Amino acid sequence: MARRFTDQQLRQLRNEVPFPWLLQRLAWPHRRRDGQLIFVCPRCGESRSDLNPQENLVRCFHCQTNFNPIDFTMAARDCGFVEAVQHLLSLTDRHQTH
């Protein structure tokens, strides 16, 4: 597997992988409540969270952590950067993300 990634690949993973899609593919606990995306934080286990769709970031308000799709995958799968990017690339290669 590749250990080097282009700037374009990383930018696309950070900015274009929608969180509802990602949470579903990771089988990560989440739901919508009053139009807000609620997920279990992979760092602290709390569900005080929200999605900022303009920035493509999710935030846990309990532990004050922001996640982009790569960060979230690293935390959810308890893996390093390279493995997380490889996993996301394999998901996006096999499935339509939008």
PDB file of N, CA and C in Angstrom:
ATOM      1  N   MET A   1       0.831  -1.193   0.000  1.00  0.00           N
ATOM      2  CA  MET A   1       0.000   0.000   0.000  1.00  0.00           C
ATOM      3  C   MET A   1       0.870   1.250   0.000  1.00  0.00           C
ATOM      4  N   ALA A   2       0.332   2.288  -0.591  1.00  0.00           N
ATOM      5  CA  ALA A   2       1.070   3.549  -0.677  1.00  0.00           C
ATOM      6  C   ALA A   2       1.284   4.160   0.698  1.00  0.00           C
ATOM      7  N   ARG A   3       2.459   4.736   0.870  1.00  0.00           N
ATOM      8  CA  ARG A   3       2.759   5.452   2.105  1.00  0.00           C
ATOM      9  C   ARG A   3       2.907   6.939   1.830  1.00  0.00           C
ATOM     10  N   ARG A   4       2.815   7.318   0.568  1.00  0.00           N
ATOM     11  CA  ARG A   4       2.886   8.717   0.181  1.00  0.00           C
ATOM     12  C   ARG A   4       1.581   9.061  -0.523  1.00  0.00           C
ATOM     13  N   PHE A   5       1.100  10.239  -0.221  1.00  0.00           N
ATOM     14  CA  PHE A   5      -0.185  10.662  -0.773  1.00  0.00           C
ATOM     15  C   PHE A   5      -0.018  12.056  -1.362  1.00  0.00           C
ATOM     16  N   THR A   6      -0.764  12.325  -2.417  1.00  0.00           N
ATOM     17  CA  THR A   6      -0.687  13.646  -3.033  1.00  0.00           C
ATOM     18  C   THR A   6      -1.447  14.652  -2.174  1.00  0.00           C
ATOM     19  N   ASP A   7      -1.091  15.917  -2.350  1.00  0.00           N
ATOM     20  CA  ASP A   7      -1.818  16.980  -1.655  1.00  0.00           C
ATOM     21  C   ASP A   7      -3.289  16.943  -2.031  1.00  0.00           C
ATOM     22  N   GLN A   8      -3.564  16.658  -3.297  1.00  0.00           N
ATOM     23  CA  GLN A   8      -4.948  16.594  -3.759  1.00  0.00           C
ATOM     24  C   GLN A   8      -5.720  15.472  -3.065  1.00  0.00           C
ATOM     25  N   GLN A   9      -5.110  14.305  -2.929  1.00  0.00           N
ATOM     26  CA  GLN A   9      -5.775  13.198  -2.237  1.00  0.00           C
ATOM     27  C   GLN A   9      -6.110  13.593  -0.800  1.00  0.00           C
ATOM     28  N   LEU A  10      -5.149  14.161  -0.093  1.00  0.00           N
ATOM     29  CA  LEU A  10      -5.370  14.533   1.307  1.00  0.00           C
ATOM     30  C   LEU A  10      -6.414  15.626   1.420  1.00  0.00           C
ATOM     31  N   ARG A  11      -6.363  16.608   0.540  1.00  0.00           N
ATOM     32  CA  ARG A  11      -7.346  17.698   0.553  1.00  0.00           C
ATOM     33  C   ARG A  11      -8.750  17.149   0.316  1.00  0.00           C
ATOM     34  N   GLN A  12      -8.875  16.239  -0.648  1.00  0.00           N
ATOM     35  CA  GLN A  12     -10.190  15.654  -0.930  1.00  0.00           C
ATOM     36  C   GLN A  12     -10.712  14.867   0.270  1.00  0.00           C
ATOM     37  N   LEU A  13      -9.849  14.085   0.902  1.00  0.00           N
ATOM     38  CA  LEU A  13     -10.299  13.313   2.062  1.00  0.00           C
ATOM     39  C   LEU A  13     -10.720  14.234   3.201  1.00  0.00           C
ATOM     40  N   ARG A  14      -9.971  15.300   3.429  1.00  0.00           N
ATOM     41  CA  ARG A  14     -10.311  16.225   4.522  1.00  0.00           C
ATOM     42  C   ARG A  14     -11.558  17.040   4.231  1.00  0.00           C
ATOM     43  N   ASN A  15     -11.732  17.438   2.981  1.00  0.00           N
ATOM     44  CA  ASN A  15     -12.774  18.402   2.662  1.00  0.00           C
ATOM     45  C   ASN A  15     -14.012  17.837   1.991  1.00  0.00           C
ATOM     46  N   GLU A  16     -13.911  16.659   1.382  1.00  0.00           N
ATOM     47  CA  GLU A  16     -15.024  16.178   0.566  1.00  0.00           C
ATOM     48  C   GLU A  16     -15.661  14.883   1.038  1.00  0.00           C
ATOM     49  N   VAL A  17     -15.104  14.225   2.030  1.00  0.00           N
ATOM     50  CA  VAL A  17     -15.739  13.005   2.555  1.00  0.00           C
ATOM     51  C   VAL A  17     -16.791  13.447   3.563  1.00  0.00           C
ATOM     52  N   PRO A  18     -18.068  13.278   3.240  1.00  0.00           N
ATOM     53  CA  PRO A  18     -19.120  13.741   4.150  1.00  0.00           C
ATOM     54  C   PRO A  18     -19.186  12.877   5.424  1.00  0.00           C
ATOM     55  N   PHE A  19     -19.335  13.559   6.545  1.00  0.00           N
ATOM     56  CA  PHE A  19     -19.337  12.836   7.814  1.00  0.00           C
ATOM     57  C   PHE A  19     -20.477  11.834   7.966  1.00  0.00           C
ATOM     58  N   PRO A  20     -21.699  12.129   7.557  1.00  0.00           N
ATOM     59  CA  PRO A  20     -22.733  11.086   7.682  1.00  0.00           C
ATOM     60  C   PRO A  20     -22.329   9.807   6.938  1.00  0.00           C
ATOM     61  N   TRP A  21     -21.782   9.944   5.756  1.00  0.00           N
ATOM     62  CA  TRP A  21     -21.308   8.811   4.964  1.00  0.00           C
ATOM     63  C   TRP A  21     -20.179   8.084   5.695  1.00  0.00           C
ATOM     64  N   LEU A  22     -19.216   8.857   6.219  1.00  0.00           N
ATOM     65  CA  LEU A  22     -18.072   8.268   6.910  1.00  0.00           C
ATOM     66  C   LEU A  22     -18.505   7.503   8.158  1.00  0.00           C
ATOM     67  N   LEU A  23     -19.361   8.105   8.964  1.00  0.00           N
ATOM     68  CA  LEU A  23     -19.820   7.443  10.186  1.00  0.00           C
ATOM     69  C   LEU A  23     -20.541   6.142   9.855  1.00  0.00           C
ATOM     70  N   GLN A  24     -21.296   6.157   8.791  1.00  0.00           N
ATOM     71  CA  GLN A  24     -21.992   4.937   8.365  1.00  0.00           C
ATOM     72  C   GLN A  24     -20.990   3.867   7.924  1.00  0.00           C
ATOM     73  N   ARG A  25     -19.987   4.243   7.123  1.00  0.00           N
ATOM     74  CA  ARG A  25     -18.995   3.280   6.640  1.00  0.00           C
ATOM     75  C   ARG A  25     -18.135   2.719   7.774  1.00  0.00           C
ATOM     76  N   LEU A  26     -17.872   3.548   8.787  1.00  0.00           N
ATOM     77  CA  LEU A  26     -17.096   3.079   9.936  1.00  0.00           C
ATOM     78  C   LEU A  26     -17.960   2.323  10.941  1.00  0.00           C
ATOM     79  N   ALA A  27     -19.278   2.271  10.677  1.00  0.00           N
ATOM     80  CA  ALA A  27     -20.240   1.672  11.617  1.00  0.00           C
ATOM     81  C   ALA A  27     -20.087   2.322  12.995  1.00  0.00           C
ATOM     82  N   TRP A  28     -19.945   3.657  12.986  1.00  0.00           N
ATOM     83  CA  TRP A  28     -19.730   4.404  14.214  1.00  0.00           C
ATOM     84  C   TRP A  28     -21.076   4.892  14.759  1.00  0.00           C
ATOM     85  N   PRO A  29     -21.308   4.792  16.073  1.00  0.00           N
ATOM     86  CA  PRO A  29     -22.593   5.214  16.654  1.00  0.00           C
ATOM     87  C   PRO A  29     -22.870   6.700  16.391  1.00  0.00           C
ATOM     88  N   HIS A  30     -24.016   6.948  15.754  1.00  0.00           N
ATOM     89  CA  HIS A  30     -24.432   8.319  15.466  1.00  0.00           C
ATOM     90  C   HIS A  30     -25.929   8.346  15.187  1.00  0.00           C
ATOM     91  N   ARG A  31     -26.482   9.544  15.237  1.00  0.00           N
ATOM     92  CA  ARG A  31     -27.900   9.746  14.911  1.00  0.00           C
ATOM     93  C   ARG A  31     -28.126  11.227  14.660  1.00  0.00           C
ATOM     94  N   ARG A  32     -29.289  11.535  14.151  1.00  0.00           N
ATOM     95  CA  ARG A  32     -29.703  12.933  13.981  1.00  0.00           C
ATOM     96  C   ARG A  32     -30.713  13.251  15.073  1.00  0.00           C
ATOM     97  N   ARG A  33     -30.528  14.407  15.693  1.00  0.00           N
ATOM     98  CA  ARG A  33     -31.485  14.870  16.702  1.00  0.00           C
ATOM     99  C   ARG A  33     -31.732  16.339  16.431  1.00  0.00           C
ATOM    100  N   ASP A  34     -32.972  16.673  16.130  1.00  0.00           N
ATOM    101  CA  ASP A  34     -33.356  18.046  15.808  1.00  0.00           C
ATOM    102  C   ASP A  34     -32.476  18.633  14.712  1.00  0.00           C
ATOM    103  N   GLY A  35     -32.159  17.836  13.691  1.00  0.00           N
ATOM    104  CA  GLY A  35     -31.353  18.283  12.573  1.00  0.00           C
ATOM    105  C   GLY A  35     -29.861  18.314  12.841  1.00  0.00           C
ATOM    106  N   GLN A  36     -29.456  17.970  14.031  1.00  0.00           N
ATOM    107  CA  GLN A  36     -28.048  17.996  14.415  1.00  0.00           C
ATOM    108  C   GLN A  36     -27.477  16.577  14.373  1.00  0.00           C
ATOM    109  N   LEU A  37     -26.269  16.439  13.827  1.00  0.00           N
ATOM    110  CA  LEU A  37     -25.601  15.145  13.802  1.00  0.00           C
ATOM    111  C   LEU A  37     -24.943  14.908  15.151  1.00  0.00           C
ATOM    112  N   ILE A  38     -25.363  13.859  15.826  1.00  0.00           N
ATOM    113  CA  ILE A  38     -24.815  13.493  17.130  1.00  0.00           C
ATOM    114  C   ILE A  38     -24.023  12.202  16.949  1.00  0.00           C
ATOM    115  N   PHE A  39     -22.794  12.165  17.446  1.00  0.00           N
ATOM    116  CA  PHE A  39     -21.971  10.971  17.349  1.00  0.00           C
ATOM    117  C   PHE A  39     -21.268  10.741  18.679  1.00  0.00           C
ATOM    118  N   VAL A  40     -20.863   9.523  18.904  1.00  0.00           N
ATOM    119  CA  VAL A  40     -20.071   9.188  20.084  1.00  0.00           C
ATOM    120  C   VAL A  40     -18.624   9.574  19.773  1.00  0.00           C
ATOM    121  N   CYS A  41     -18.040  10.388  20.630  1.00  0.00           N
ATOM    122  CA  CYS A  41     -16.668  10.839  20.407  1.00  0.00           C
ATOM    123  C   CYS A  41     -15.705   9.667  20.579  1.00  0.00           C
ATOM    124  N   PRO A  42     -14.830   9.437  19.600  1.00  0.00           N
ATOM    125  CA  PRO A  42     -13.880   8.329  19.721  1.00  0.00           C
ATOM    126  C   PRO A  42     -12.783   8.585  20.758  1.00  0.00           C
ATOM    127  N   ARG A  43     -12.676   9.806  21.241  1.00  0.00           N
ATOM    128  CA  ARG A  43     -11.663  10.110  22.258  1.00  0.00           C
ATOM    129  C   ARG A  43     -12.209   9.981  23.671  1.00  0.00           C
ATOM    130  N   CYS A  44     -13.389  10.570  23.922  1.00  0.00           N
ATOM    131  CA  CYS A  44     -13.878  10.597  25.308  1.00  0.00           C
ATOM    132  C   CYS A  44     -15.134   9.761  25.531  1.00  0.00           C
ATOM    133  N   GLY A  45     -15.796   9.324  24.456  1.00  0.00           N
ATOM    134  CA  GLY A  45     -16.978   8.487  24.590  1.00  0.00           C
ATOM    135  C   GLY A  45     -18.275   9.230  24.854  1.00  0.00           C
ATOM    136  N   GLU A  46     -18.230  10.553  24.907  1.00  0.00           N
ATOM    137  CA  GLU A  46     -19.440  11.348  25.123  1.00  0.00           C
ATOM    138  C   GLU A  46     -20.134  11.629  23.792  1.00  0.00           C
ATOM    139  N   SER A  47     -21.372  12.119  23.879  1.00  0.00           N
ATOM    140  CA  SER A  47     -22.158  12.405  22.674  1.00  0.00           C
ATOM    141  C   SER A  47     -22.571  13.869  22.586  1.00  0.00           C
ATOM    142  N   ARG A  48     -21.773  14.748  23.109  1.00  0.00           N
ATOM    143  CA  ARG A  48     -22.048  16.185  23.006  1.00  0.00           C
ATOM    144  C   ARG A  48     -21.282  16.706  21.787  1.00  0.00           C
ATOM    145  N   SER A  49     -21.896  16.554  20.611  1.00  0.00           N
ATOM    146  CA  SER A  49     -21.167  16.766  19.376  1.00  0.00           C
ATOM    147  C   SER A  49     -22.011  17.462  18.327  1.00  0.00           C
ATOM    148  N   ASP A  50     -21.338  17.933  17.288  1.00  0.00           N
ATOM    149  CA  ASP A  50     -22.034  18.564  16.175  1.00  0.00           C
ATOM    150  C   ASP A  50     -21.134  18.572  14.949  1.00  0.00           C
ATOM    151  N   LEU A  51     -21.756  18.796  13.799  1.00  0.00           N
ATOM    152  CA  LEU A  51     -21.082  18.857  12.508  1.00  0.00           C
ATOM    153  C   LEU A  51     -21.094  20.289  12.007  1.00  0.00           C
ATOM    154  N   ASN A  52     -19.957  20.768  11.503  1.00  0.00           N
ATOM    155  CA  ASN A  52     -19.882  22.039  10.796  1.00  0.00           C
ATOM    156  C   ASN A  52     -19.704  21.694   9.317  1.00  0.00           C
ATOM    157  N   PRO A  53     -20.802  21.674   8.545  1.00  0.00           N
ATOM    158  CA  PRO A  53     -20.702  21.229   7.155  1.00  0.00           C
ATOM    159  C   PRO A  53     -19.878  22.170   6.272  1.00  0.00           C
ATOM    160  N   GLN A  54     -19.836  23.455   6.592  1.00  0.00           N
ATOM    161  CA  GLN A  54     -19.042  24.383   5.785  1.00  0.00           C
ATOM    162  C   GLN A  54     -17.552  24.071   5.874  1.00  0.00           C
ATOM    163  N   GLU A  55     -17.097  23.629   7.027  1.00  0.00           N
ATOM    164  CA  GLU A  55     -15.683  23.314   7.235  1.00  0.00           C
ATOM    165  C   GLU A  55     -15.403  21.814   7.137  1.00  0.00           C
ATOM    166  N   ASN A  56     -16.452  21.008   7.044  1.00  0.00           N
ATOM    167  CA  ASN A  56     -16.357  19.540   7.057  1.00  0.00           C
ATOM    168  C   ASN A  56     -15.580  19.058   8.281  1.00  0.00           C
ATOM    169  N   LEU A  57     -15.973  19.570   9.426  1.00  0.00           N
ATOM    170  CA  LEU A  57     -15.401  19.179  10.710  1.00  0.00           C
ATOM    171  C   LEU A  57     -16.513  18.773  11.645  1.00  0.00           C
ATOM    172  N   VAL A  58     -16.228  17.822  12.522  1.00  0.00           N
ATOM    173  CA  VAL A  58     -17.124  17.543  13.631  1.00  0.00           C
ATOM    174  C   VAL A  58     -16.400  17.927  14.905  1.00  0.00           C
ATOM    175  N   ARG A  59     -17.185  18.260  15.925  1.00  0.00           N
ATOM    176  CA  ARG A  59     -16.603  18.705  17.189  1.00  0.00           C
ATOM    177  C   ARG A  59     -17.278  18.001  18.338  1.00  0.00           C
ATOM    178  N   CYS A  60     -16.462  17.549  19.279  1.00  0.00           N
ATOM    179  CA  CYS A  60     -16.971  17.055  20.550  1.00  0.00           C
ATOM    180  C   CYS A  60     -16.853  18.211  21.538  1.00  0.00           C
ATOM    181  N   PHE A  61     -17.977  18.635  22.064  1.00  0.00           N
ATOM    182  CA  PHE A  61     -17.971  19.757  22.999  1.00  0.00           C
ATOM    183  C   PHE A  61     -17.551  19.329  24.399  1.00  0.00           C
ATOM    184  N   HIS A  62     -17.566  18.033  24.666  1.00  0.00           N
ATOM    185  CA  HIS A  62     -17.142  17.559  25.978  1.00  0.00           C
ATOM    186  C   HIS A  62     -15.625  17.635  26.122  1.00  0.00           C
ATOM    187  N   CYS A  63     -14.891  17.066  25.160  1.00  0.00           N
ATOM    188  CA  CYS A  63     -13.420  17.080  25.259  1.00  0.00           C
ATOM    189  C   CYS A  63     -12.779  18.177  24.406  1.00  0.00           C
ATOM    190  N   GLN A  64     -13.628  18.991  23.760  1.00  0.00           N
ATOM    191  CA  GLN A  64     -13.149  20.138  22.975  1.00  0.00           C
ATOM    192  C   GLN A  64     -12.254  19.728  21.808  1.00  0.00           C
ATOM    193  N   THR A  65     -12.570  18.598  21.148  1.00  0.00           N
ATOM    194  CA  THR A  65     -11.763  18.107  20.041  1.00  0.00           C
ATOM    195  C   THR A  65     -12.506  18.287  18.725  1.00  0.00           C
ATOM    196  N   ASN A  66     -11.807  18.837  17.728  1.00  0.00           N
ATOM    197  CA  ASN A  66     -12.316  18.916  16.362  1.00  0.00           C
ATOM    198  C   ASN A  66     -11.701  17.771  15.567  1.00  0.00           C
ATOM    199  N   PHE A  67     -12.494  17.206  14.670  1.00  0.00           N
ATOM    200  CA  PHE A  67     -12.021  16.122  13.815  1.00  0.00           C
ATOM    201  C   PHE A  67     -12.338  16.424  12.364  1.00  0.00           C
ATOM    202  N   ASN A  68     -11.361  16.251  11.480  1.00  0.00           N
ATOM    203  CA  ASN A  68     -11.673  16.163  10.064  1.00  0.00           C
ATOM    204  C   ASN A  68     -11.830  14.665   9.777  1.00  0.00           C
ATOM    205  N   PRO A  69     -12.211  14.272   8.570  1.00  0.00           N
ATOM    206  CA  PRO A  69     -12.413  12.839   8.315  1.00  0.00           C
ATOM    207  C   PRO A  69     -11.180  11.968   8.588  1.00  0.00           C
ATOM    208  N   ILE A  70      -9.989  12.486   8.316  1.00  0.00           N
ATOM    209  CA  ILE A  70      -8.776  11.693   8.573  1.00  0.00           C
ATOM    210  C   ILE A  70      -8.559  11.549  10.078  1.00  0.00           C
ATOM    211  N   ASP A  71      -8.654  12.658  10.817  1.00  0.00           N
ATOM    212  CA  ASP A  71      -8.492  12.614  12.280  1.00  0.00           C
ATOM    213  C   ASP A  71      -9.500  11.661  12.914  1.00  0.00           C
ATOM    214  N   PHE A  72     -10.746  11.756  12.449  1.00  0.00           N
ATOM    215  CA  PHE A  72     -11.794  10.917  13.027  1.00  0.00           C
ATOM    216  C   PHE A  72     -11.502   9.442  12.764  1.00  0.00           C
ATOM    217  N   THR A  73     -11.088   9.120  11.550  1.00  0.00           N
ATOM    218  CA  THR A  73     -10.773   7.733  11.209  1.00  0.00           C
ATOM    219  C   THR A  73      -9.618   7.217  12.057  1.00  0.00           C
ATOM    220  N   MET A  74      -8.600   8.057  12.273  1.00  0.00           N
ATOM    221  CA  MET A  74      -7.483   7.658  13.125  1.00  0.00           C
ATOM    222  C   MET A  74      -7.962   7.320  14.530  1.00  0.00           C
ATOM    223  N   ALA A  75      -8.814   8.183  15.087  1.00  0.00           N
ATOM    224  CA  ALA A  75      -9.299   7.963  16.456  1.00  0.00           C
ATOM    225  C   ALA A  75     -10.263   6.781  16.524  1.00  0.00           C
ATOM    226  N   ALA A  76     -11.173   6.680  15.566  1.00  0.00           N
ATOM    227  CA  ALA A  76     -12.185   5.621  15.593  1.00  0.00           C
ATOM    228  C   ALA A  76     -11.569   4.234  15.379  1.00  0.00           C
ATOM    229  N   ARG A  77     -10.558   4.161  14.522  1.00  0.00           N
ATOM    230  CA  ARG A  77      -9.928   2.867  14.223  1.00  0.00           C
ATOM    231  C   ARG A  77      -8.667   2.642  15.050  1.00  0.00           C
ATOM    232  N   ASP A  78      -8.319   3.619  15.884  1.00  0.00           N
ATOM    233  CA  ASP A  78      -7.106   3.541  16.712  1.00  0.00           C
ATOM    234  C   ASP A  78      -5.900   3.167  15.855  1.00  0.00           C
ATOM    235  N   CYS A  79      -5.668   4.015  14.847  1.00  0.00           N
ATOM    236  CA  CYS A  79      -4.584   3.746  13.912  1.00  0.00           C
ATOM    237  C   CYS A  79      -3.822   5.028  13.613  1.00  0.00           C
ATOM    238  N   GLY A  80      -2.746   4.903  12.890  1.00  0.00           N
ATOM    239  CA  GLY A  80      -1.936   6.041  12.509  1.00  0.00           C
ATOM    240  C   GLY A  80      -2.451   6.710  11.250  1.00  0.00           C
ATOM    241  N   PHE A  81      -1.792   7.802  10.896  1.00  0.00           N
ATOM    242  CA  PHE A  81      -2.179   8.613   9.755  1.00  0.00           C
ATOM    243  C   PHE A  81      -2.185   7.806   8.457  1.00  0.00           C
ATOM    244  N   VAL A  82      -1.121   7.100   8.176  1.00  0.00           N
ATOM    245  CA  VAL A  82      -1.006   6.369   6.908  1.00  0.00           C
ATOM    246  C   VAL A  82      -2.116   5.328   6.783  1.00  0.00           C
ATOM    247  N   GLU A  83      -2.349   4.568   7.836  1.00  0.00           N
ATOM    248  CA  GLU A  83      -3.405   3.550   7.790  1.00  0.00           C
ATOM    249  C   GLU A  83      -4.775   4.190   7.614  1.00  0.00           C
ATOM    250  N   ALA A  84      -5.023   5.302   8.285  1.00  0.00           N
ATOM    251  CA  ALA A  84      -6.315   5.985   8.154  1.00  0.00           C
ATOM    252  C   ALA A  84      -6.527   6.482   6.733  1.00  0.00           C
ATOM    253  N   VAL A  85      -5.507   7.091   6.145  1.00  0.00           N
ATOM    254  CA  VAL A  85      -5.628   7.586   4.777  1.00  0.00           C
ATOM    255  C   VAL A  85      -5.830   6.425   3.811  1.00  0.00           C
ATOM    256  N   GLN A  86      -5.092   5.357   3.976  1.00  0.00           N
ATOM    257  CA  GLN A  86      -5.269   4.182   3.114  1.00  0.00           C
ATOM    258  C   GLN A  86      -6.688   3.641   3.228  1.00  0.00           C
ATOM    259  N   HIS A  87      -7.206   3.579   4.454  1.00  0.00           N
ATOM    260  CA  HIS A  87      -8.565   3.080   4.662  1.00  0.00           C
ATOM    261  C   HIS A  87      -9.589   3.989   3.969  1.00  0.00           C
ATOM    262  N   LEU A  88      -9.445   5.296   4.152  1.00  0.00           N
ATOM    263  CA  LEU A  88     -10.373   6.229   3.512  1.00  0.00           C
ATOM    264  C   LEU A  88     -10.283   6.158   1.993  1.00  0.00           C
ATOM    265  N   LEU A  89      -9.088   6.057   1.468  1.00  0.00           N
ATOM    266  CA  LEU A  89      -8.938   5.933   0.012  1.00  0.00           C
ATOM    267  C   LEU A  89      -9.595   4.660  -0.500  1.00  0.00           C
ATOM    268  N   SER A  90      -9.468   3.567   0.245  1.00  0.00           N
ATOM    269  CA  SER A  90     -10.110   2.323  -0.195  1.00  0.00           C
ATOM    270  C   SER A  90     -11.628   2.453  -0.155  1.00  0.00           C
ATOM    271  N   LEU A  91     -12.152   3.148   0.846  1.00  0.00           N
ATOM    272  CA  LEU A  91     -13.601   3.357   0.918  1.00  0.00           C
ATOM    273  C   LEU A  91     -14.091   4.234  -0.220  1.00  0.00           C
ATOM    274  N   THR A  92     -13.372   5.308  -0.499  1.00  0.00           N
ATOM    275  CA  THR A  92     -13.816   6.230  -1.540  1.00  0.00           C
ATOM    276  C   THR A  92     -13.603   5.652  -2.936  1.00  0.00           C
ATOM    277  N   ASP A  93     -12.631   4.759  -3.090  1.00  0.00           N
ATOM    278  CA  ASP A  93     -12.428   4.098  -4.389  1.00  0.00           C
ATOM    279  C   ASP A  93     -13.559   3.120  -4.693  1.00  0.00           C
ATOM    280  N   ARG A  94     -14.071   2.474  -3.647  1.00  0.00           N
ATOM    281  CA  ARG A  94     -15.106   1.438  -3.834  1.00  0.00           C
ATOM    282  C   ARG A  94     -16.518   1.991  -3.820  1.00  0.00           C
ATOM    283  N   HIS A  95     -16.722   3.171  -3.216  1.00  0.00           N
ATOM    284  CA  HIS A  95     -18.084   3.684  -3.034  1.00  0.00           C
ATOM    285  C   HIS A  95     -18.152   5.140  -3.451  1.00  0.00           C
ATOM    286  N   GLN A  96     -19.312   5.515  -3.915  1.00  0.00           N
ATOM    287  CA  GLN A  96     -19.595   6.913  -4.194  1.00  0.00           C
ATOM    288  C   GLN A  96     -19.780   7.621  -2.867  1.00  0.00           C
ATOM    289  N   THR A  97     -19.089   8.768  -2.634  1.00  0.00           N
ATOM    290  CA  THR A  97     -19.174   9.463  -1.349  1.00  0.00           C
ATOM    291  C   THR A  97     -20.284  10.492  -1.313  1.00  0.00           C
ATOM    292  N   HIS A  98     -20.851  10.840  -2.410  1.00  0.00           N
ATOM    293  CA  HIS A  98     -21.904  11.883  -2.378  1.00  0.00           C
ATOM    294  C   HIS A  98     -23.208  11.330  -2.864  1.00  0.00           C
TER     295      HIS A  98
END
